[in-house]
Amino acid sequence: MLVIIGKVDERMLKFVKRINGKMLITDKACNFSKIKEPVVVIIPFEKVLENGFVSNTRIFFDEIFISLNVVQVVTPNINNKIINTCSYFKVPLIRLDAYLGF
């Protein structure tokens, strides 16, 4: 399953048209409680700030790993916070453009 982090807007809707399969688009962690299966987390437009929050959402980046069975993180915006958190939780990190074949 894909969990896509960000606001549902025109840009996001255009992005998800390219993706097939089961997915959840969210900007709030409260939606995580319903998911029991392993997930790939995609953060296509927002940034993980150095304080740990995902920009323009109500999600703390570490909370994603605590609440979900994350098997991979995909984003174009990689920084030290993302690298360190993925390393700590032993989750692969992939650049978004490589993931989608751009």
Protein backbone atom coordinates (compact mmCIF):
# COMPACT_ATOMS: atom_id res chain seq x y z
CA MET A 1 0.00 0.00 0.00
CA LEU A 2 1.10 3.57 -0.66
CA VAL A 3 0.76 6.34 1.90
CA ILE A 4 1.19 9.70 0.18
CA ILE A 5 1.90 12.56 2.54
CA GLY A 6 0.63 16.02 1.59
CA LYS A 7 -2.41 18.15 0.98
CA VAL A 8 -4.99 17.04 -1.56
CA ASP A 9 -4.82 19.79 -4.16
CA GLU A 10 -4.68 19.98 -7.94
CA ARG A 11 -0.96 19.20 -8.05
CA MET A 12 -1.42 16.14 -5.83
CA LEU A 13 -4.38 14.86 -7.86
CA LYS A 14 -2.35 15.17 -11.05
CA PHE A 15 0.51 13.28 -9.36
CA VAL A 16 -1.64 10.36 -8.15
CA LYS A 17 -3.19 9.84 -11.59
CA ARG A 18 0.16 8.30 -12.56
CA ILE A 19 0.02 5.74 -9.74
CA ASN A 20 -1.94 2.50 -9.67
CA GLY A 21 -2.89 0.53 -6.59
CA LYS A 22 -4.20 1.01 -3.10
CA MET A 23 -3.25 4.35 -1.58
CA LEU A 24 -4.03 6.85 1.13
CA ILE A 25 -3.37 10.57 0.67
CA THR A 26 -3.17 12.36 4.00
CA ASP A 27 -1.87 15.42 5.81
CA LYS A 28 -2.84 14.09 9.27
CA ALA A 29 -1.39 11.21 11.27
CA CYS A 30 -4.81 10.24 12.67
CA ASN A 31 -5.46 8.37 9.40
CA PHE A 32 -2.57 5.98 10.12
CA SER A 33 -4.43 3.93 12.74
CA LYS A 34 -6.52 2.13 10.11
CA ILE A 35 -3.51 0.77 8.21
CA LYS A 36 -2.09 -2.59 9.28
CA GLU A 37 -0.25 -3.69 6.13
CA PRO A 38 3.31 -2.73 5.06
CA VAL A 39 3.48 0.66 3.32
CA VAL A 40 5.65 2.68 0.99
CA VAL A 41 5.60 6.32 2.12
CA ILE A 42 5.78 8.93 -0.64
CA ILE A 43 6.29 12.61 0.13
CA PRO A 44 6.12 14.13 -3.36
CA PHE A 45 5.91 17.88 -2.70
CA GLU A 46 6.36 18.66 0.99
CA LYS A 47 9.66 18.82 2.85
CA VAL A 48 10.67 17.21 6.10
CA LEU A 49 11.91 20.11 8.19
CA GLU A 50 14.91 19.83 10.51
CA ASN A 51 12.53 20.03 13.49
CA GLY A 52 10.93 16.79 12.25
CA PHE A 53 7.61 18.08 10.94
CA VAL A 54 6.49 17.55 7.36
CA SER A 55 5.79 21.00 5.89
CA ASN A 56 2.13 21.99 5.36
CA THR A 57 0.87 18.95 7.29
CA ARG A 58 0.12 17.93 10.87
CA ILE A 59 2.57 15.03 10.68
CA PHE A 60 5.79 14.55 12.61
CA PHE A 61 8.12 12.49 10.38
CA ASP A 62 9.14 10.02 13.11
CA GLU A 63 5.46 9.40 13.85
CA ILE A 64 5.11 7.78 10.43
CA PHE A 65 7.62 5.08 11.42
CA ILE A 66 6.14 4.57 14.88
CA SER A 67 2.56 4.25 13.58
CA LEU A 68 3.06 2.33 10.33
CA ASN A 69 5.01 -0.65 9.03
CA VAL A 70 7.14 1.43 6.64
CA VAL A 71 9.13 -0.59 4.10
CA GLN A 72 10.38 2.33 1.99
CA VAL A 73 10.38 6.15 1.87
CA VAL A 74 10.28 7.97 -1.47
CA THR A 75 10.78 11.73 -1.80
CA PRO A 76 12.61 14.24 -4.02
CA ASN A 77 13.55 16.38 -1.00
CA ILE A 78 16.22 14.50 0.93
CA ASN A 79 17.94 16.11 3.92
CA ASN A 80 19.82 15.01 7.06
CA LYS A 81 16.61 14.53 9.09
CA ILE A 82 15.21 12.09 6.52
CA ILE A 83 18.53 10.25 6.13
CA ASN A 84 19.02 9.90 9.89
CA THR A 85 15.45 8.78 10.59
CA CYS A 86 15.38 6.23 7.77
CA SER A 87 18.76 4.94 8.90
CA TYR A 88 17.60 4.65 12.51
CA PHE A 89 14.50 2.67 11.50
CA LYS A 90 16.47 0.70 8.84
CA VAL A 91 14.13 1.75 6.03
CA PRO A 92 15.39 2.30 2.46
CA LEU A 93 15.24 5.87 1.13
CA ILE A 94 14.76 6.49 -2.58
CA ARG A 95 14.73 9.72 -4.57
CA LEU A 96 11.28 10.28 -6.09
CA ASP A 97 12.57 10.83 -9.63
CA ALA A 98 14.38 7.46 -9.55
CA TYR A 99 11.27 5.73 -8.18
CA LEU A 100 8.98 7.00 -10.93
CA GLY A 101 11.58 6.59 -13.67
CA PHE A 102 11.98 10.28 -14.54
